[in-house]
């Protein structure tokens, strides 16, 4: 019902950068906050950053100052610029939206940080 499509993952060296994009419908982007989450094997999915339709943002402490989330309402995308990547940032990154108590997720995009 709420398809989300992530792109932009890849393999980077520590200290490198990636830019992830999440595409959704105009309705979803206009009405709901969109967030980036990540999940590593054996770990619970965790919030990385979120942005509201009004542009308010929040970040996990671990990525503050390194990641930046933004909206492009022309393309209906939420982007996550990731700089100064660390090995612990490696995960599958998902964009998601919470509507009521239900979470909707994309397929995810793999981010690998390795020398």
PDB file of N, CA and C in Angstrom:
ATOM      1  N   UNK A   1       0.819  -1.209   0.000  1.00  0.00           N
ATOM      2  CA  UNK A   1       0.000   0.000   0.000  1.00  0.00           C
ATOM      3  C   UNK A   1       0.855   1.263   0.000  1.00  0.00           C
ATOM      4  N   UNK A   2       1.990   1.201   0.648  1.00  0.00           N
ATOM      5  CA  UNK A   2       2.893   2.342   0.712  1.00  0.00           C
ATOM      6  C   UNK A   2       4.255   1.891   0.212  1.00  0.00           C
ATOM      7  N   UNK A   3       4.439   1.809  -1.072  1.00  0.00           N
ATOM      8  CA  UNK A   3       5.738   1.383  -1.592  1.00  0.00           C
ATOM      9  C   UNK A   3       6.800   2.455  -1.397  1.00  0.00           C
ATOM     10  N   UNK A   4       7.946   2.020  -0.982  1.00  0.00           N
ATOM     11  CA  UNK A   4       9.103   2.879  -0.803  1.00  0.00           C
ATOM     12  C   UNK A   4      10.272   2.224  -1.509  1.00  0.00           C
ATOM     13  N   UNK A   5      11.067   3.020  -2.181  1.00  0.00           N
ATOM     14  CA  UNK A   5      12.165   2.496  -2.971  1.00  0.00           C
ATOM     15  C   UNK A   5      13.437   3.231  -2.601  1.00  0.00           C
ATOM     16  N   UNK A   6      14.398   2.483  -2.086  1.00  0.00           N
ATOM     17  CA  UNK A   6      15.691   3.043  -1.722  1.00  0.00           C
ATOM     18  C   UNK A   6      16.696   2.807  -2.835  1.00  0.00           C
ATOM     19  N   UNK A   7      17.657   3.699  -2.903  1.00  0.00           N
ATOM     20  CA  UNK A   7      18.757   3.534  -3.839  1.00  0.00           C
ATOM     21  C   UNK A   7      19.973   4.266  -3.300  1.00  0.00           C
ATOM     22  N   UNK A   8      21.117   3.968  -3.859  1.00  0.00           N
ATOM     23  CA  UNK A   8      22.324   4.702  -3.551  1.00  0.00           C
ATOM     24  C   UNK A   8      23.337   3.983  -2.691  1.00  0.00           C
ATOM     25  N   UNK A   9      23.001   2.806  -2.215  1.00  0.00           N
ATOM     26  CA  UNK A   9      23.949   2.076  -1.399  1.00  0.00           C
ATOM     27  C   UNK A   9      25.141   1.593  -2.194  1.00  0.00           C
ATOM     28  N   UNK A  10      26.129   1.133  -1.481  1.00  0.00           N
ATOM     29  CA  UNK A  10      27.322   0.637  -2.125  1.00  0.00           C
ATOM     30  C   UNK A  10      28.411   0.378  -1.116  1.00  0.00           C
ATOM     31  N   UNK A  11      29.592   0.182  -1.628  1.00  0.00           N
ATOM     32  CA  UNK A  11      30.769  -0.077  -0.811  1.00  0.00           C
ATOM     33  C   UNK A  11      31.658   1.147  -0.823  1.00  0.00           C
ATOM     34  N   UNK A  12      32.021   1.601   0.358  1.00  0.00           N
ATOM     35  CA  UNK A  12      32.923   2.736   0.487  1.00  0.00           C
ATOM     36  C   UNK A  12      33.970   2.433   1.539  1.00  0.00           C
ATOM     37  N   UNK A  13      35.071   3.135   1.439  1.00  0.00           N
ATOM     38  CA  UNK A  13      36.105   3.039   2.451  1.00  0.00           C
ATOM     39  C   UNK A  13      35.735   3.871   3.665  1.00  0.00           C
ATOM     40  N   UNK A  14      36.260   3.516   4.830  1.00  0.00           N
ATOM     41  CA  UNK A  14      36.050   4.383   5.986  1.00  0.00           C
ATOM     42  C   UNK A  14      36.449   5.814   5.664  1.00  0.00           C
ATOM     43  N   UNK A  15      35.626   6.739   6.106  1.00  0.00           N
ATOM     44  CA  UNK A  15      35.834   8.140   5.794  1.00  0.00           C
ATOM     45  C   UNK A  15      35.173   8.594   4.511  1.00  0.00           C
ATOM     46  N   UNK A  16      34.665   7.667   3.747  1.00  0.00           N
ATOM     47  CA  UNK A  16      34.018   8.002   2.500  1.00  0.00           C
ATOM     48  C   UNK A  16      32.590   8.454   2.676  1.00  0.00           C
ATOM     49  N   UNK A  17      31.935   8.697   1.551  1.00  0.00           N
ATOM     50  CA  UNK A  17      30.584   9.235   1.551  1.00  0.00           C
ATOM     51  C   UNK A  17      29.683   8.462   0.607  1.00  0.00           C
ATOM     52  N   UNK A  18      28.420   8.448   0.940  1.00  0.00           N
ATOM     53  CA  UNK A  18      27.369   7.921   0.085  1.00  0.00           C
ATOM     54  C   UNK A  18      26.144   8.800   0.230  1.00  0.00           C
ATOM     55  N   UNK A  19      25.350   8.807  -0.806  1.00  0.00           N
ATOM     56  CA  UNK A  19      24.086   9.516  -0.775  1.00  0.00           C
ATOM     57  C   UNK A  19      22.975   8.535  -1.111  1.00  0.00           C
ATOM     58  N   UNK A  20      22.075   8.345  -0.176  1.00  0.00           N
ATOM     59  CA  UNK A  20      20.953   7.456  -0.354  1.00  0.00           C
ATOM     60  C   UNK A  20      19.703   8.258  -0.703  1.00  0.00           C
ATOM     61  N   UNK A  21      18.843   7.645  -1.477  1.00  0.00           N
ATOM     62  CA  UNK A  21      17.583   8.275  -1.834  1.00  0.00           C
ATOM     63  C   UNK A  21      16.436   7.321  -1.567  1.00  0.00           C
ATOM     64  N   UNK A  22      15.323   7.869  -1.172  1.00  0.00           N
ATOM     65  CA  UNK A  22      14.108   7.113  -0.916  1.00  0.00           C
ATOM     66  C   UNK A  22      12.974   7.784  -1.662  1.00  0.00           C
ATOM     67  N   UNK A  23      12.336   7.025  -2.522  1.00  0.00           N
ATOM     68  CA  UNK A  23      11.240   7.551  -3.318  1.00  0.00           C
ATOM     69  C   UNK A  23       9.919   6.978  -2.832  1.00  0.00           C
ATOM     70  N   UNK A  24       8.929   7.818  -2.778  1.00  0.00           N
ATOM     71  CA  UNK A  24       7.591   7.398  -2.397  1.00  0.00           C
ATOM     72  C   UNK A  24       6.576   8.248  -3.142  1.00  0.00           C
ATOM     73  N   UNK A  25       5.327   8.056  -2.820  1.00  0.00           N
ATOM     74  CA  UNK A  25       4.272   8.801  -3.488  1.00  0.00           C
ATOM     75  C   UNK A  25       4.212  10.231  -2.968  1.00  0.00           C
ATOM     76  N   UNK A  26       3.675  11.091  -3.775  1.00  0.00           N
ATOM     77  CA  UNK A  26       3.501  12.481  -3.380  1.00  0.00           C
ATOM     78  C   UNK A  26       2.663  12.591  -2.112  1.00  0.00           C
ATOM     79  N   UNK A  27       1.628  11.773  -2.022  1.00  0.00           N
ATOM     80  CA  UNK A  27       0.762  11.807  -0.854  1.00  0.00           C
ATOM     81  C   UNK A  27       1.521  11.472   0.416  1.00  0.00           C
ATOM     82  N   UNK A  28       2.301  10.409   0.375  1.00  0.00           N
ATOM     83  CA  UNK A  28       3.048  10.006   1.552  1.00  0.00           C
ATOM     84  C   UNK A  28       4.033  11.093   1.956  1.00  0.00           C
ATOM     85  N   UNK A  29       4.727  11.649   0.977  1.00  0.00           N
ATOM     86  CA  UNK A  29       5.722  12.664   1.290  1.00  0.00           C
ATOM     87  C   UNK A  29       5.097  13.940   1.822  1.00  0.00           C
ATOM     88  N   UNK A  30       3.899  14.214   1.432  1.00  0.00           N
ATOM     89  CA  UNK A  30       3.254  15.437   1.876  1.00  0.00           C
ATOM     90  C   UNK A  30       2.585  15.298   3.232  1.00  0.00           C
ATOM     91  N   UNK A  31       2.297  14.082   3.653  1.00  0.00           N
ATOM     92  CA  UNK A  31       1.498  13.879   4.852  1.00  0.00           C
ATOM     93  C   UNK A  31       2.246  13.280   6.029  1.00  0.00           C
ATOM     94  N   UNK A  32       3.344  12.587   5.783  1.00  0.00           N
ATOM     95  CA  UNK A  32       3.990  11.834   6.847  1.00  0.00           C
ATOM     96  C   UNK A  32       5.476  12.109   6.910  1.00  0.00           C
ATOM     97  N   UNK A  33       5.994  11.978   8.097  1.00  0.00           N
ATOM     98  CA  UNK A  33       7.435  11.997   8.253  1.00  0.00           C
ATOM     99  C   UNK A  33       8.038  10.759   7.607  1.00  0.00           C
ATOM    100  N   UNK A  34       9.174  10.947   6.996  1.00  0.00           N
ATOM    101  CA  UNK A  34       9.919   9.856   6.388  1.00  0.00           C
ATOM    102  C   UNK A  34      11.242   9.725   7.122  1.00  0.00           C
ATOM    103  N   UNK A  35      11.611   8.515   7.414  1.00  0.00           N
ATOM    104  CA  UNK A  35      12.821   8.283   8.181  1.00  0.00           C
ATOM    105  C   UNK A  35      13.704   7.263   7.490  1.00  0.00           C
ATOM    106  N   UNK A  36      14.978   7.377   7.772  1.00  0.00           N
ATOM    107  CA  UNK A  36      15.942   6.361   7.399  1.00  0.00           C
ATOM    108  C   UNK A  36      16.265   5.529   8.625  1.00  0.00           C
ATOM    109  N   UNK A  37      16.250   4.237   8.437  1.00  0.00           N
ATOM    110  CA  UNK A  37      16.624   3.280   9.455  1.00  0.00           C
ATOM    111  C   UNK A  37      17.727   2.394   8.901  1.00  0.00           C
ATOM    112  N   UNK A  38      18.393   1.717   9.787  1.00  0.00           N
ATOM    113  CA  UNK A  38      19.377   0.753   9.349  1.00  0.00           C
ATOM    114  C   UNK A  38      19.320  -0.473  10.239  1.00  0.00           C
ATOM    115  N   UNK A  39      19.754  -1.568   9.673  1.00  0.00           N
ATOM    116  CA  UNK A  39      19.735  -2.818  10.402  1.00  0.00           C
ATOM    117  C   UNK A  39      20.937  -3.655  10.015  1.00  0.00           C
ATOM    118  N   UNK A  40      21.670  -4.069  11.010  1.00  0.00           N
ATOM    119  CA  UNK A  40      22.791  -4.965  10.837  1.00  0.00           C
ATOM    120  C   UNK A  40      22.411  -6.331  11.378  1.00  0.00           C
ATOM    121  N   UNK A  41      23.097  -7.374  10.923  1.00  0.00           N
ATOM    122  CA  UNK A  41      22.785  -8.712  11.431  1.00  0.00           C
ATOM    123  C   UNK A  41      22.871  -8.774  12.949  1.00  0.00           C
ATOM    124  N   UNK A  42      21.857  -9.335  13.558  1.00  0.00           N
ATOM    125  CA  UNK A  42      21.830  -9.477  14.994  1.00  0.00           C
ATOM    126  C   UNK A  42      21.402  -8.245  15.754  1.00  0.00           C
ATOM    127  N   UNK A  43      21.085  -7.187  15.044  1.00  0.00           N
ATOM    128  CA  UNK A  43      20.677  -5.954  15.688  1.00  0.00           C
ATOM    129  C   UNK A  43      19.251  -5.593  15.304  1.00  0.00           C
ATOM    130  N   UNK A  44      18.622  -4.871  16.187  1.00  0.00           N
ATOM    131  CA  UNK A  44      17.307  -4.342  15.904  1.00  0.00           C
ATOM    132  C   UNK A  44      17.426  -3.163  14.946  1.00  0.00           C
ATOM    133  N   UNK A  45      16.438  -3.015  14.124  1.00  0.00           N
ATOM    134  CA  UNK A  45      16.423  -1.871  13.232  1.00  0.00           C
ATOM    135  C   UNK A  45      16.411  -0.581  14.048  1.00  0.00           C
ATOM    136  N   UNK A  46      17.277   0.348  13.695  1.00  0.00           N
ATOM    137  CA  UNK A  46      17.417   1.569  14.464  1.00  0.00           C
ATOM    138  C   UNK A  46      17.208   2.789  13.586  1.00  0.00           C
ATOM    139  N   UNK A  47      16.697   3.818  14.213  1.00  0.00           N
ATOM    140  CA  UNK A  47      16.495   5.079  13.521  1.00  0.00           C
ATOM    141  C   UNK A  47      17.823   5.761  13.273  1.00  0.00           C
ATOM    142  N   UNK A  48      18.024   6.210  12.061  1.00  0.00           N
ATOM    143  CA  UNK A  48      19.204   6.979  11.698  1.00  0.00           C
ATOM    144  C   UNK A  48      18.865   8.460  11.641  1.00  0.00           C
ATOM    145  N   UNK A  49      17.843   8.802  10.908  1.00  0.00           N
ATOM    146  CA  UNK A  49      17.435  10.190  10.745  1.00  0.00           C
ATOM    147  C   UNK A  49      16.008  10.224  10.248  1.00  0.00           C
ATOM    148  N   UNK A  50      15.328  11.305  10.561  1.00  0.00           N
ATOM    149  CA  UNK A  50      13.971  11.484  10.094  1.00  0.00           C
ATOM    150  C   UNK A  50      13.716  12.919   9.709  1.00  0.00           C
ATOM    151  N   UNK A  51      12.719  13.105   8.874  1.00  0.00           N
ATOM    152  CA  UNK A  51      12.353  14.449   8.441  1.00  0.00           C
ATOM    153  C   UNK A  51      10.844  14.513   8.277  1.00  0.00           C
ATOM    154  N   UNK A  52      10.266  15.602   8.754  1.00  0.00           N
ATOM    155  CA  UNK A  52       8.832  15.805   8.674  1.00  0.00           C
ATOM    156  C   UNK A  52       8.480  16.515   7.378  1.00  0.00           C
ATOM    157  N   UNK A  53       7.195  16.526   7.015  1.00  0.00           N
ATOM    158  CA  UNK A  53       6.809  17.303   5.834  1.00  0.00           C
ATOM    159  C   UNK A  53       7.194  18.768   5.930  1.00  0.00           C
ATOM    160  N   UNK A  54       7.261  19.298   7.141  1.00  0.00           N
ATOM    161  CA  UNK A  54       7.662  20.677   7.323  1.00  0.00           C
ATOM    162  C   UNK A  54       9.150  20.906   7.332  1.00  0.00           C
ATOM    163  N   UNK A  55       9.931  19.839   7.263  1.00  0.00           N
ATOM    164  CA  UNK A  55      11.369  19.976   7.187  1.00  0.00           C
ATOM    165  C   UNK A  55      12.105  19.838   8.500  1.00  0.00           C
ATOM    166  N   UNK A  56      11.409  19.558   9.580  1.00  0.00           N
ATOM    167  CA  UNK A  56      12.089  19.311  10.844  1.00  0.00           C
ATOM    168  C   UNK A  56      12.821  17.981  10.786  1.00  0.00           C
ATOM    169  N   UNK A  57      14.004  17.964  11.337  1.00  0.00           N
ATOM    170  CA  UNK A  57      14.844  16.781  11.259  1.00  0.00           C
ATOM    171  C   UNK A  57      15.261  16.313  12.637  1.00  0.00           C
ATOM    172  N   UNK A  58      15.593  15.057  12.712  1.00  0.00           N
ATOM    173  CA  UNK A  58      16.214  14.515  13.894  1.00  0.00           C
ATOM    174  C   UNK A  58      17.181  13.419  13.477  1.00  0.00           C
ATOM    175  N   UNK A  59      18.186  13.209  14.313  1.00  0.00           N
ATOM    176  CA  UNK A  59      19.252  12.280  13.994  1.00  0.00           C
ATOM    177  C   UNK A  59      19.604  11.442  15.205  1.00  0.00           C
ATOM    178  N   UNK A  60      20.029  10.247  14.930  1.00  0.00           N
ATOM    179  CA  UNK A  60      20.651   9.467  15.975  1.00  0.00           C
ATOM    180  C   UNK A  60      21.941  10.150  16.402  1.00  0.00           C
ATOM    181  N   UNK A  61      22.248  10.052  17.675  1.00  0.00           N
ATOM    182  CA  UNK A  61      23.463  10.689  18.172  1.00  0.00           C
ATOM    183  C   UNK A  61      24.706  10.209  17.423  1.00  0.00           C
ATOM    184  N   UNK A  62      24.697   8.977  17.018  1.00  0.00           N
ATOM    185  CA  UNK A  62      25.866   8.402  16.384  1.00  0.00           C
ATOM    186  C   UNK A  62      26.161   8.976  15.009  1.00  0.00           C
ATOM    187  N   UNK A  63      25.195   9.645  14.402  1.00  0.00           N
ATOM    188  CA  UNK A  63      25.403  10.180  13.056  1.00  0.00           C
ATOM    189  C   UNK A  63      25.337  11.693  13.006  1.00  0.00           C
ATOM    190  N   UNK A  64      25.070  12.333  14.112  1.00  0.00           N
ATOM    191  CA  UNK A  64      24.994  13.789  14.128  1.00  0.00           C
ATOM    192  C   UNK A  64      26.313  14.397  13.675  1.00  0.00           C
ATOM    193  N   UNK A  65      26.196  15.365  12.795  1.00  0.00           N
ATOM    194  CA  UNK A  65      27.371  16.014  12.259  1.00  0.00           C
ATOM    195  C   UNK A  65      27.977  15.315  11.071  1.00  0.00           C
ATOM    196  N   UNK A  66      27.557  14.093  10.806  1.00  0.00           N
ATOM    197  CA  UNK A  66      28.084  13.337   9.677  1.00  0.00           C
ATOM    198  C   UNK A  66      27.047  13.087   8.593  1.00  0.00           C
ATOM    199  N   UNK A  67      25.807  12.884   8.997  1.00  0.00           N
ATOM    200  CA  UNK A  67      24.733  12.595   8.057  1.00  0.00           C
ATOM    201  C   UNK A  67      23.803  13.789   7.972  1.00  0.00           C
ATOM    202  N   UNK A  68      23.191  13.957   6.829  1.00  0.00           N
ATOM    203  CA  UNK A  68      22.206  15.009   6.638  1.00  0.00           C
ATOM    204  C   UNK A  68      21.033  14.466   5.840  1.00  0.00           C
ATOM    205  N   UNK A  69      19.853  14.642   6.376  1.00  0.00           N
ATOM    206  CA  UNK A  69      18.644  14.209   5.707  1.00  0.00           C
ATOM    207  C   UNK A  69      17.958  15.422   5.096  1.00  0.00           C
ATOM    208  N   UNK A  70      17.376  15.241   3.935  1.00  0.00           N
ATOM    209  CA  UNK A  70      16.732  16.344   3.238  1.00  0.00           C
ATOM    210  C   UNK A  70      15.573  15.820   2.405  1.00  0.00           C
ATOM    211  N   UNK A  71      14.739  16.743   1.982  1.00  0.00           N
ATOM    212  CA  UNK A  71      13.574  16.409   1.173  1.00  0.00           C
ATOM    213  C   UNK A  71      13.682  17.053  -0.191  1.00  0.00           C
ATOM    214  N   UNK A  72      13.227  16.331  -1.174  1.00  0.00           N
ATOM    215  CA  UNK A  72      13.058  16.877  -2.514  1.00  0.00           C
ATOM    216  C   UNK A  72      11.619  16.576  -2.908  1.00  0.00           C
ATOM    217  N   UNK A  73      10.765  17.566  -2.752  1.00  0.00           N
ATOM    218  CA  UNK A  73       9.345  17.344  -2.983  1.00  0.00           C
ATOM    219  C   UNK A  73       8.955  17.432  -4.455  1.00  0.00           C
ATOM    220  N   UNK A  74       9.905  17.778  -5.297  1.00  0.00           N
ATOM    221  CA  UNK A  74       9.659  17.699  -6.729  1.00  0.00           C
ATOM    222  C   UNK A  74       9.741  16.247  -7.178  1.00  0.00           C
ATOM    223  N   UNK A  75      10.765  15.566  -6.715  1.00  0.00           N
ATOM    224  CA  UNK A  75      10.952  14.168  -7.063  1.00  0.00           C
ATOM    225  C   UNK A  75      10.316  13.214  -6.055  1.00  0.00           C
ATOM    226  N   UNK A  76       9.757  13.758  -4.990  1.00  0.00           N
ATOM    227  CA  UNK A  76       9.172  12.932  -3.933  1.00  0.00           C
ATOM    228  C   UNK A  76      10.194  11.965  -3.356  1.00  0.00           C
ATOM    229  N   UNK A  77      11.324  12.515  -2.989  1.00  0.00           N
ATOM    230  CA  UNK A  77      12.370  11.707  -2.401  1.00  0.00           C
ATOM    231  C   UNK A  77      12.852  12.322  -1.100  1.00  0.00           C
ATOM    232  N   UNK A  78      13.302  11.458  -0.235  1.00  0.00           N
ATOM    233  CA  UNK A  78      14.044  11.848   0.948  1.00  0.00           C
ATOM    234  C   UNK A  78      15.451  11.307   0.789  1.00  0.00           C
ATOM    235  N   UNK A  79      16.408  12.181   0.956  1.00  0.00           N
ATOM    236  CA  UNK A  79      17.793  11.818   0.730  1.00  0.00           C
ATOM    237  C   UNK A  79      18.561  11.800   2.040  1.00  0.00           C
ATOM    238  N   UNK A  80      19.554  10.966   2.074  1.00  0.00           N
ATOM    239  CA  UNK A  80      20.429  10.881   3.233  1.00  0.00           C
ATOM    240  C   UNK A  80      21.860  10.967   2.748  1.00  0.00           C
ATOM    241  N   UNK A  81      22.478  12.098   3.005  1.00  0.00           N
ATOM    242  CA  UNK A  81      23.879  12.276   2.693  1.00  0.00           C
ATOM    243  C   UNK A  81      24.694  11.774   3.864  1.00  0.00           C
ATOM    244  N   UNK A  82      25.534  10.807   3.619  1.00  0.00           N
ATOM    245  CA  UNK A  82      26.328  10.178   4.659  1.00  0.00           C
ATOM    246  C   UNK A  82      27.797  10.468   4.397  1.00  0.00           C
ATOM    247  N   UNK A  83      28.402  11.160   5.322  1.00  0.00           N
ATOM    248  CA  UNK A  83      29.809  11.505   5.227  1.00  0.00           C
ATOM    249  C   UNK A  83      30.580  10.876   6.378  1.00  0.00           C
ATOM    250  N   UNK A  84      31.868  10.841   6.211  1.00  0.00           N
ATOM    251  CA  UNK A  84      32.753  10.310   7.253  1.00  0.00           C
ATOM    252  C   UNK A  84      32.282   8.951   7.738  1.00  0.00           C
ATOM    253  N   UNK A  85      32.011   8.096   6.803  1.00  0.00           N
ATOM    254  CA  UNK A  85      31.446   6.795   7.144  1.00  0.00           C
ATOM    255  C   UNK A  85      32.427   5.946   7.931  1.00  0.00           C
ATOM    256  N   UNK A  86      31.882   5.231   8.857  1.00  0.00           N
ATOM    257  CA  UNK A  86      32.636   4.349   9.729  1.00  0.00           C
ATOM    258  C   UNK A  86      32.208   2.914   9.515  1.00  0.00           C
ATOM    259  N   UNK A  87      33.051   1.962   9.856  1.00  0.00           N
ATOM    260  CA  UNK A  87      32.638   0.563   9.712  1.00  0.00           C
ATOM    261  C   UNK A  87      31.346   0.243  10.432  1.00  0.00           C
ATOM    262  N   UNK A  88      31.113   0.864  11.563  1.00  0.00           N
ATOM    263  CA  UNK A  88      29.885   0.602  12.296  1.00  0.00           C
ATOM    264  C   UNK A  88      28.639   1.164  11.622  1.00  0.00           C
ATOM    265  N   UNK A  89      28.820   1.968  10.590  1.00  0.00           N
ATOM    266  CA  UNK A  89      27.686   2.439   9.806  1.00  0.00           C
ATOM    267  C   UNK A  89      27.205   1.403   8.804  1.00  0.00           C
ATOM    268  N   UNK A  90      27.970   0.370   8.593  1.00  0.00           N
ATOM    269  CA  UNK A  90      27.585  -0.647   7.628  1.00  0.00           C
ATOM    270  C   UNK A  90      26.288  -1.317   8.055  1.00  0.00           C
ATOM    271  N   UNK A  91      25.365  -1.405   7.146  1.00  0.00           N
ATOM    272  CA  UNK A  91      24.053  -1.971   7.431  1.00  0.00           C
ATOM    273  C   UNK A  91      23.235  -1.949   6.157  1.00  0.00           C
ATOM    274  N   UNK A  92      22.088  -2.570   6.228  1.00  0.00           N
ATOM    275  CA  UNK A  92      21.078  -2.343   5.217  1.00  0.00           C
ATOM    276  C   UNK A  92      20.264  -1.140   5.665  1.00  0.00           C
ATOM    277  N   UNK A  93      20.178  -0.163   4.810  1.00  0.00           N
ATOM    278  CA  UNK A  93      19.462   1.060   5.118  1.00  0.00           C
ATOM    279  C   UNK A  93      18.083   1.025   4.479  1.00  0.00           C
ATOM    280  N   UNK A  94      17.100   1.356   5.272  1.00  0.00           N
ATOM    281  CA  UNK A  94      15.722   1.357   4.830  1.00  0.00           C
ATOM    282  C   UNK A  94      15.121   2.735   5.035  1.00  0.00           C
ATOM    283  N   UNK A  95      14.306   3.150   4.117  1.00  0.00           N
ATOM    284  CA  UNK A  95      13.440   4.274   4.427  1.00  0.00           C
ATOM    285  C   UNK A  95      12.105   3.729   4.864  1.00  0.00           C
ATOM    286  N   UNK A  96      11.482   4.459   5.746  1.00  0.00           N
ATOM    287  CA  UNK A  96      10.231   3.988   6.295  1.00  0.00           C
ATOM    288  C   UNK A  96       9.316   5.108   6.704  1.00  0.00           C
ATOM    289  N   UNK A  97       8.070   4.755   6.833  1.00  0.00           N
ATOM    290  CA  UNK A  97       7.060   5.683   7.307  1.00  0.00           C
ATOM    291  C   UNK A  97       6.163   4.948   8.281  1.00  0.00           C
ATOM    292  N   UNK A  98       5.840   5.603   9.362  1.00  0.00           N
ATOM    293  CA  UNK A  98       4.925   5.045  10.344  1.00  0.00           C
ATOM    294  C   UNK A  98       3.571   5.714  10.189  1.00  0.00           C
ATOM    295  N   UNK A  99       2.587   4.918   9.908  1.00  0.00           N
ATOM    296  CA  UNK A  99       1.221   5.392   9.780  1.00  0.00           C
ATOM    297  C   UNK A  99       0.406   4.675  10.843  1.00  0.00           C
ATOM    298  N   UNK A 100       0.038   5.411  11.857  1.00  0.00           N
ATOM    299  CA  UNK A 100      -0.554   4.784  13.016  1.00  0.00           C
ATOM    300  C   UNK A 100       0.494   3.946  13.719  1.00  0.00           C
ATOM    301  N   UNK A 101       0.194   2.676  13.906  1.00  0.00           N
ATOM    302  CA  UNK A 101       1.147   1.772  14.535  1.00  0.00           C
ATOM    303  C   UNK A 101       1.843   0.874  13.530  1.00  0.00           C
ATOM    304  N   UNK A 102       1.572   1.082  12.272  1.00  0.00           N
ATOM    305  CA  UNK A 102       2.127   0.217  11.236  1.00  0.00           C
ATOM    306  C   UNK A 102       3.293   0.889  10.536  1.00  0.00           C
ATOM    307  N   UNK A 103       4.355   0.131  10.385  1.00  0.00           N
ATOM    308  CA  UNK A 103       5.533   0.600   9.679  1.00  0.00           C
ATOM    309  C   UNK A 103       5.540   0.077   8.252  1.00  0.00           C
ATOM    310  N   UNK A 104       5.913   0.942   7.334  1.00  0.00           N
ATOM    311  CA  UNK A 104       6.054   0.579   5.941  1.00  0.00           C
ATOM    312  C   UNK A 104       7.503   0.792   5.543  1.00  0.00           C
ATOM    313  N   UNK A 105       8.050  -0.166   4.839  1.00  0.00           N
ATOM    314  CA  UNK A 105       9.472  -0.167   4.514  1.00  0.00           C
ATOM    315  C   UNK A 105       9.704  -0.419   3.045  1.00  0.00           C
ATOM    316  N   UNK A 106      10.798   0.116   2.574  1.00  0.00           N
ATOM    317  CA  UNK A 106      11.276  -0.280   1.275  1.00  0.00           C
ATOM    318  C   UNK A 106      12.061  -1.570   1.363  1.00  0.00           C
ATOM    319  N   UNK A 107      12.668  -1.944   0.262  1.00  0.00           N
ATOM    320  CA  UNK A 107      13.440  -3.173   0.207  1.00  0.00           C
ATOM    321  C   UNK A 107      14.806  -3.043   0.858  1.00  0.00           C
ATOM    322  N   UNK A 108      15.269  -1.838   1.012  1.00  0.00           N
ATOM    323  CA  UNK A 108      16.556  -1.593   1.623  1.00  0.00           C
ATOM    324  C   UNK A 108      17.670  -1.490   0.608  1.00  0.00           C
ATOM    325  N   UNK A 109      18.717  -0.817   1.005  1.00  0.00           N
ATOM    326  CA  UNK A 109      19.909  -0.704   0.181  1.00  0.00           C
ATOM    327  C   UNK A 109      21.127  -0.936   1.067  1.00  0.00           C
ATOM    328  N   UNK A 110      22.026  -1.755   0.582  1.00  0.00           N
ATOM    329  CA  UNK A 110      23.171  -2.175   1.377  1.00  0.00           C
ATOM    330  C   UNK A 110      24.258  -1.113   1.376  1.00  0.00           C
ATOM    331  N   UNK A 111      24.723  -0.807   2.558  1.00  0.00           N
ATOM    332  CA  UNK A 111      25.872   0.074   2.729  1.00  0.00           C
ATOM    333  C   UNK A 111      26.979  -0.731   3.400  1.00  0.00           C
ATOM    334  N   UNK A 112      28.088  -0.819   2.730  1.00  0.00           N
ATOM    335  CA  UNK A 112      29.242  -1.519   3.258  1.00  0.00           C
ATOM    336  C   UNK A 112      30.386  -0.532   3.414  1.00  0.00           C
ATOM    337  N   UNK A 113      30.997  -0.524   4.566  1.00  0.00           N
ATOM    338  CA  UNK A 113      32.107   0.376   4.855  1.00  0.00           C
ATOM    339  C   UNK A 113      33.298  -0.490   5.226  1.00  0.00           C
ATOM    340  N   UNK A 114      34.255  -0.556   4.343  1.00  0.00           N
ATOM    341  CA  UNK A 114      35.373  -1.453   4.539  1.00  0.00           C
ATOM    342  C   UNK A 114      36.567  -0.974   3.732  1.00  0.00           C
ATOM    343  N   UNK A 115      37.737  -1.199   4.284  1.00  0.00           N
ATOM    344  CA  UNK A 115      38.958  -0.861   3.578  1.00  0.00           C
ATOM    345  C   UNK A 115      39.260  -1.872   2.492  1.00  0.00           C
TER     346      UNK A 115
END
